[in-house]
Amino acid sequence: MRLRGAPLHLHHTRRATVVAGGSSVSFTATLVDTNGLVSWTLTGPGTFNPLGGSGALYAPPASVPSPTDATLSASSGTLVAHVTIGVNPTPGITRTFTTR
C-alpha cells in the first residue's frame, strides 16, 4: 500500500489475497523525510518474519475454514500503515458421482 502524503509508505496494494497453505508474500515499508526503525505486527491468521530493515514476509496459515482477513501493520514512532490480507481456504477436490 502506498499512502500518499504520509511519511510512512507500505509498498503493496491496500488489500492482498492469498490461499491458505500457499506462498508467502513480501511487504516493504519506507519512511519518507524522516528516520527511524520500522516494526511489524500481525493481527489474524498466519505468521510473519521481519526481513531486517523495512521488510516483512507474511506466510498464510495451513488452512482456514472460511475466508478470513489478517492485518499486517508497519509502524515507526507514531506513524502506522496497514495492509489487509484476505486468506481464502485451499480449494478442495470436487468429485461428481452419477447414480444409475
C-alpha atoms as a PDB file:
ATOM      1  CA  MET A   1       0.000   0.000   0.000  1.00  0.00           C
ATOM      2  CA  ARG A   2       1.297   3.420  -0.791  1.00  0.00           C
ATOM      3  CA  LEU A   3      -0.132   6.176   1.377  1.00  0.00           C
ATOM      4  CA  ARG A   4       0.120   9.468  -0.482  1.00  0.00           C
ATOM      5  CA  GLY A   5       1.338  12.411   1.524  1.00  0.00           C
ATOM      6  CA  ALA A   6       2.157  10.216   4.508  1.00  0.00           C
ATOM      7  CA  PRO A   7       5.724   9.839   5.778  1.00  0.00           C
ATOM      8  CA  LEU A   8       5.344   6.026   6.058  1.00  0.00           C
ATOM      9  CA  HIS A   9       4.603   4.051   2.897  1.00  0.00           C
ATOM     10  CA  LEU A  10       3.753   0.358   2.794  1.00  0.00           C
ATOM     11  CA  HIS A  11       4.510  -0.777  -0.753  1.00  0.00           C
ATOM     12  CA  HIS A  12       1.649  -3.057  -1.696  1.00  0.00           C
ATOM     13  CA  THR A  13      -1.992  -2.755  -2.604  1.00  0.00           C
ATOM     14  CA  ARG A  14      -4.398  -1.894   0.197  1.00  0.00           C
ATOM     15  CA  ARG A  15      -5.573  -5.483   0.055  1.00  0.00           C
ATOM     16  CA  ALA A  16      -3.642  -8.633  -0.787  1.00  0.00           C
ATOM     17  CA  THR A  17      -5.234 -12.046  -1.284  1.00  0.00           C
ATOM     18  CA  VAL A  18      -3.607 -15.401  -0.542  1.00  0.00           C
ATOM     19  CA  VAL A  19      -4.683 -19.033  -0.303  1.00  0.00           C
ATOM     20  CA  ALA A  20      -4.242 -20.933   2.961  1.00  0.00           C
ATOM     21  CA  GLY A  21      -1.185 -23.162   2.666  1.00  0.00           C
ATOM     22  CA  GLY A  22       0.036 -21.084  -0.286  1.00  0.00           C
ATOM     23  CA  SER A  23       3.117 -18.997  -0.958  1.00  0.00           C
ATOM     24  CA  SER A  24       4.385 -16.224   1.272  1.00  0.00           C
ATOM     25  CA  VAL A  25       4.027 -12.559   0.306  1.00  0.00           C
ATOM     26  CA  SER A  26       6.680  -9.903   0.927  1.00  0.00           C
ATOM     27  CA  PHE A  27       5.987  -6.344   2.047  1.00  0.00           C
ATOM     28  CA  THR A  28       8.237  -3.296   2.266  1.00  0.00           C
ATOM     29  CA  ALA A  29       7.692  -0.118   4.287  1.00  0.00           C
ATOM     30  CA  THR A  30       9.538   3.114   3.530  1.00  0.00           C
ATOM     31  CA  LEU A  31       9.937   6.155   5.747  1.00  0.00           C
ATOM     32  CA  VAL A  32       9.849   9.415   3.774  1.00  0.00           C
ATOM     33  CA  ASP A  33      11.534  12.595   5.022  1.00  0.00           C
ATOM     34  CA  THR A  34      12.118  11.047   8.433  1.00  0.00           C
ATOM     35  CA  ASN A  35      14.377   8.485  10.093  1.00  0.00           C
ATOM     36  CA  GLY A  36      13.530   5.599  12.375  1.00  0.00           C
ATOM     37  CA  LEU A  37      13.090   1.888  12.694  1.00  0.00           C
ATOM     38  CA  VAL A  38      10.086   0.077  11.240  1.00  0.00           C
ATOM     39  CA  SER A  39       8.394  -2.554  13.380  1.00  0.00           C
ATOM     40  CA  TRP A  40       5.728  -5.013  12.240  1.00  0.00           C
ATOM     41  CA  THR A  41       2.643  -6.522  13.866  1.00  0.00           C
ATOM     42  CA  LEU A  42       0.153  -9.067  12.593  1.00  0.00           C
ATOM     43  CA  THR A  43      -3.463  -9.409  13.666  1.00  0.00           C
ATOM     44  CA  GLY A  44      -5.262 -12.506  12.431  1.00  0.00           C
ATOM     45  CA  PRO A  45      -4.198 -15.849  10.997  1.00  0.00           C
ATOM     46  CA  GLY A  46      -0.759 -16.618   9.594  1.00  0.00           C
ATOM     47  CA  THR A  47       2.760 -15.661  10.623  1.00  0.00           C
ATOM     48  CA  PHE A  48       5.252 -13.020   9.590  1.00  0.00           C
ATOM     49  CA  ASN A  49       9.004 -12.725   9.652  1.00  0.00           C
ATOM     50  CA  PRO A  50      10.718  -9.344   9.690  1.00  0.00           C
ATOM     51  CA  LEU A  51      13.333  -9.316   6.931  1.00  0.00           C
ATOM     52  CA  GLY A  52      15.552  -6.741   8.592  1.00  0.00           C
ATOM     53  CA  GLY A  53      15.321  -3.061   7.881  1.00  0.00           C
ATOM     54  CA  SER A  54      11.890  -2.325   6.495  1.00  0.00           C
ATOM     55  CA  GLY A  55      10.747  -5.647   5.006  1.00  0.00           C
ATOM     56  CA  ALA A  56       8.461  -8.422   6.210  1.00  0.00           C
ATOM     57  CA  LEU A  57       7.362 -11.766   4.818  1.00  0.00           C
ATOM     58  CA  TYR A  58       3.776 -12.919   5.509  1.00  0.00           C
ATOM     59  CA  ALA A  59       3.059 -16.671   5.439  1.00  0.00           C
ATOM     60  CA  PRO A  60      -0.598 -17.748   5.308  1.00  0.00           C
ATOM     61  CA  PRO A  61      -1.830 -20.420   7.726  1.00  0.00           C
ATOM     62  CA  ALA A  62      -2.001 -24.048   6.562  1.00  0.00           C
ATOM     63  CA  SER A  63      -5.791 -23.906   6.485  1.00  0.00           C
ATOM     64  CA  VAL A  64      -8.810 -21.751   7.303  1.00  0.00           C
ATOM     65  CA  PRO A  65     -12.420 -22.987   7.484  1.00  0.00           C
ATOM     66  CA  SER A  66     -13.776 -19.987   5.558  1.00  0.00           C
ATOM     67  CA  PRO A  67     -12.433 -16.759   4.007  1.00  0.00           C
ATOM     68  CA  THR A  68     -10.943 -14.517   6.681  1.00  0.00           C
ATOM     69  CA  ASP A  69      -8.717 -11.439   6.964  1.00  0.00           C
ATOM     70  CA  ALA A  70      -5.382 -10.704   8.560  1.00  0.00           C
ATOM     71  CA  THR A  71      -3.938  -7.215   9.014  1.00  0.00           C
ATOM     72  CA  LEU A  72      -0.217  -6.539   8.736  1.00  0.00           C
ATOM     73  CA  SER A  73       0.861  -3.201  10.181  1.00  0.00           C
ATOM     74  CA  ALA A  74       4.129  -1.321   9.800  1.00  0.00           C
ATOM     75  CA  SER A  75       4.899   1.338  12.384  1.00  0.00           C
ATOM     76  CA  SER A  76       7.631   3.784  13.247  1.00  0.00           C
ATOM     77  CA  GLY A  77       7.036   6.038  16.246  1.00  0.00           C
ATOM     78  CA  THR A  78       3.541   7.489  15.790  1.00  0.00           C
ATOM     79  CA  LEU A  79       3.385   6.558  12.092  1.00  0.00           C
ATOM     80  CA  VAL A  80       1.375   3.479  11.088  1.00  0.00           C
ATOM     81  CA  ALA A  81       0.405   1.903   7.750  1.00  0.00           C
ATOM     82  CA  HIS A  82      -1.746  -1.214   7.301  1.00  0.00           C
ATOM     83  CA  VAL A  83      -2.484  -3.770   4.619  1.00  0.00           C
ATOM     84  CA  THR A  84      -5.401  -6.199   4.795  1.00  0.00           C
ATOM     85  CA  ILE A  85      -4.618  -9.721   3.654  1.00  0.00           C
ATOM     86  CA  GLY A  86      -7.582 -11.836   2.585  1.00  0.00           C
ATOM     87  CA  VAL A  87      -6.944 -15.516   3.345  1.00  0.00           C
ATOM     88  CA  ASN A  88      -9.051 -17.952   1.320  1.00  0.00           C
ATOM     89  CA  PRO A  89      -9.490 -21.668   2.067  1.00  0.00           C
ATOM     90  CA  THR A  90      -7.480 -24.099  -0.010  1.00  0.00           C
ATOM     91  CA  PRO A  91      -9.631 -25.241  -2.926  1.00  0.00           C
ATOM     92  CA  GLY A  92     -10.808 -28.787  -2.326  1.00  0.00           C
ATOM     93  CA  ILE A  93     -11.116 -31.684  -4.694  1.00  0.00           C
ATOM     94  CA  THR A  94     -14.585 -31.897  -6.154  1.00  0.00           C
ATOM     95  CA  ARG A  95     -15.981 -35.280  -7.155  1.00  0.00           C
ATOM     96  CA  THR A  96     -19.142 -35.811  -9.081  1.00  0.00           C
ATOM     97  CA  PHE A  97     -20.941 -39.135  -8.760  1.00  0.00           C
ATOM     98  CA  THR A  98     -23.603 -40.311 -11.133  1.00  0.00           C
ATOM     99  CA  THR A  99     -26.161 -42.830  -9.953  1.00  0.00           C
ATOM    100  CA  ARG A 100     -27.625 -45.343 -12.370  1.00  0.00           C
END
